[in-house]
C-alpha atoms as a PDB file:
ATOM      1  CA  UNK A   1     102.556 104.697  71.503  1.00  0.00           C
ATOM      2  CA  UNK A   2     100.344 105.360  74.560  1.00  0.00           C
ATOM      3  CA  UNK A   3     100.886 108.584  76.542  1.00  0.00           C
ATOM      4  CA  UNK A   4     102.449 108.423  79.861  1.00  0.00           C
ATOM      5  CA  UNK A   5      99.932 108.815  82.567  1.00  0.00           C
ATOM      6  CA  UNK A   6     100.075 111.372  85.300  1.00  0.00           C
ATOM      7  CA  UNK A   7      99.546 110.038  88.878  1.00  0.00           C
ATOM      8  CA  UNK A   8      98.677 112.582  91.649  1.00  0.00           C
ATOM      9  CA  UNK A   9      99.038 111.225  95.156  1.00  0.00           C
ATOM     10  CA  UNK A  10      97.381 113.439  97.714  1.00  0.00           C
ATOM     11  CA  UNK A  11      95.595 113.672 101.080  1.00  0.00           C
ATOM     12  CA  UNK A  12      92.246 115.226 100.158  1.00  0.00           C
ATOM     13  CA  UNK A  13      91.998 117.701 103.066  1.00  0.00           C
ATOM     14  CA  UNK A  14      95.452 119.109 102.967  1.00  0.00           C
ATOM     15  CA  UNK A  15      95.492 122.680 101.441  1.00  0.00           C
ATOM     16  CA  UNK A  16      98.488 122.039  99.125  1.00  0.00           C
ATOM     17  CA  UNK A  17      97.019 118.794  97.791  1.00  0.00           C
ATOM     18  CA  UNK A  18      93.672 120.769  97.109  1.00  0.00           C
ATOM     19  CA  UNK A  19      95.519 123.431  95.329  1.00  0.00           C
ATOM     20  CA  UNK A  20      97.277 120.880  92.935  1.00  0.00           C
ATOM     21  CA  UNK A  21      94.034 119.013  92.241  1.00  0.00           C
ATOM     22  CA  UNK A  22      92.333 122.304  91.366  1.00  0.00           C
ATOM     23  CA  UNK A  23      95.212 123.192  89.040  1.00  0.00           C
ATOM     24  CA  UNK A  24      95.276 119.749  87.417  1.00  0.00           C
ATOM     25  CA  UNK A  25      91.347 120.282  86.780  1.00  0.00           C
ATOM     26  CA  UNK A  26      91.972 123.800  85.299  1.00  0.00           C
ATOM     27  CA  UNK A  27      94.670 122.261  82.894  1.00  0.00           C
ATOM     28  CA  UNK A  28      92.422 119.415  81.999  1.00  0.00           C
ATOM     29  CA  UNK A  29      95.200 117.005  83.123  1.00  0.00           C
ATOM     30  CA  UNK A  30      93.988 113.487  82.886  1.00  0.00           C
ATOM     31  CA  UNK A  31      95.525 112.250  86.172  1.00  0.00           C
ATOM     32  CA  UNK A  32      94.891 109.221  88.315  1.00  0.00           C
ATOM     33  CA  UNK A  33      94.125 110.616  91.771  1.00  0.00           C
ATOM     34  CA  UNK A  34      95.453 108.288  94.746  1.00  0.00           C
ATOM     35  CA  UNK A  35      94.493 109.035  98.253  1.00  0.00           C
ATOM     36  CA  UNK A  36      97.303 108.046 100.517  1.00  0.00           C
ATOM     37  CA  UNK A  37      95.273 108.550 103.594  1.00  0.00           C
ATOM     38  CA  UNK A  38      92.830 105.625 102.821  1.00  0.00           C
ATOM     39  CA  UNK A  39      94.693 103.418 100.438  1.00  0.00           C
ATOM     40  CA  UNK A  40      97.462 101.237 101.697  1.00  0.00           C
ATOM     41  CA  UNK A  41      98.369 100.381  98.124  1.00  0.00           C
ATOM     42  CA  UNK A  42      98.658 104.154  97.144  1.00  0.00           C
ATOM     43  CA  UNK A  43     100.972 104.539 100.185  1.00  0.00           C
ATOM     44  CA  UNK A  44     103.166 101.784  99.151  1.00  0.00           C
ATOM     45  CA  UNK A  45     103.301 102.944  95.527  1.00  0.00           C
ATOM     46  CA  UNK A  46     104.100 106.376  96.611  1.00  0.00           C
ATOM     47  CA  UNK A  47     106.937 105.263  98.996  1.00  0.00           C
ATOM     48  CA  UNK A  48     108.405 103.170  96.180  1.00  0.00           C
ATOM     49  CA  UNK A  49     108.212 106.113  93.583  1.00  0.00           C
ATOM     50  CA  UNK A  50     109.242 109.044  95.891  1.00  0.00           C
ATOM     51  CA  UNK A  51     111.328 107.451  98.672  1.00  0.00           C
ATOM     52  CA  UNK A  52     108.732 108.402 101.240  1.00  0.00           C
ATOM     53  CA  UNK A  53     105.222 109.709 101.956  1.00  0.00           C
ATOM     54  CA  UNK A  54     105.588 113.201 100.478  1.00  0.00           C
ATOM     55  CA  UNK A  55     102.250 114.843  99.329  1.00  0.00           C
ATOM     56  CA  UNK A  56     101.231 116.119  97.081  1.00  0.00           C
ATOM     57  CA  UNK A  57     103.242 114.197  94.642  1.00  0.00           C
ATOM     58  CA  UNK A  58     103.063 113.986  90.968  1.00  0.00           C
ATOM     59  CA  UNK A  59     104.497 111.030  89.103  1.00  0.00           C
ATOM     60  CA  UNK A  60     104.814 111.214  85.280  1.00  0.00           C
ATOM     61  CA  UNK A  61     106.721 108.379  83.939  1.00  0.00           C
ATOM     62  CA  UNK A  62     110.246 108.523  85.558  1.00  0.00           C
ATOM     63  CA  UNK A  63     109.606 112.034  86.781  1.00  0.00           C
ATOM     64  CA  UNK A  64     108.545 112.330  90.410  1.00  0.00           C
ATOM     65  CA  UNK A  65     107.859 115.798  91.794  1.00  0.00           C
ATOM     66  CA  UNK A  66     106.639 116.487  95.401  1.00  0.00           C
ATOM     67  CA  UNK A  67     105.588 119.685  96.929  1.00  0.00           C
ATOM     68  CA  UNK A  68     102.713 121.844  95.827  1.00  0.00           C
ATOM     69  CA  UNK A  69     105.166 124.681  94.647  1.00  0.00           C
ATOM     70  CA  UNK A  70     107.352 122.305  92.700  1.00  0.00           C
ATOM     71  CA  UNK A  71     104.383 120.597  91.063  1.00  0.00           C
ATOM     72  CA  UNK A  72     103.107 124.082  90.018  1.00  0.00           C
ATOM     73  CA  UNK A  73     106.375 124.927  88.443  1.00  0.00           C
ATOM     74  CA  UNK A  74     106.565 121.752  86.553  1.00  0.00           C
ATOM     75  CA  UNK A  75     102.982 122.105  85.169  1.00  0.00           C
ATOM     76  CA  UNK A  76     103.753 125.738  84.227  1.00  0.00           C
ATOM     77  CA  UNK A  77     106.784 124.702  82.279  1.00  0.00           C
ATOM     78  CA  UNK A  78     104.975 121.777  80.723  1.00  0.00           C
ATOM     79  CA  UNK A  79     101.825 123.731  79.672  1.00  0.00           C
ATOM     80  CA  UNK A  80     102.867 127.283  79.611  1.00  0.00           C
ATOM     81  CA  UNK A  81     100.351 128.653  82.039  1.00  0.00           C
END
């Protein structure tokens, strides 16, 4: 069974998005990064998954978390650091 992918929707220059990208890198999280500023497809996917354009947004299977603080809490619970 394949592992569920992480998808991280961001706008590159937003501080909260940059913070979550750095945190994902620190954890070695293998996430697909989607820039909603430049990709209409990413905007559409995010709207369908999260019900709007909320960034940063982490999608992991059926789990959808938006907001940098909430994503950090999720990653801390999942990875313990």
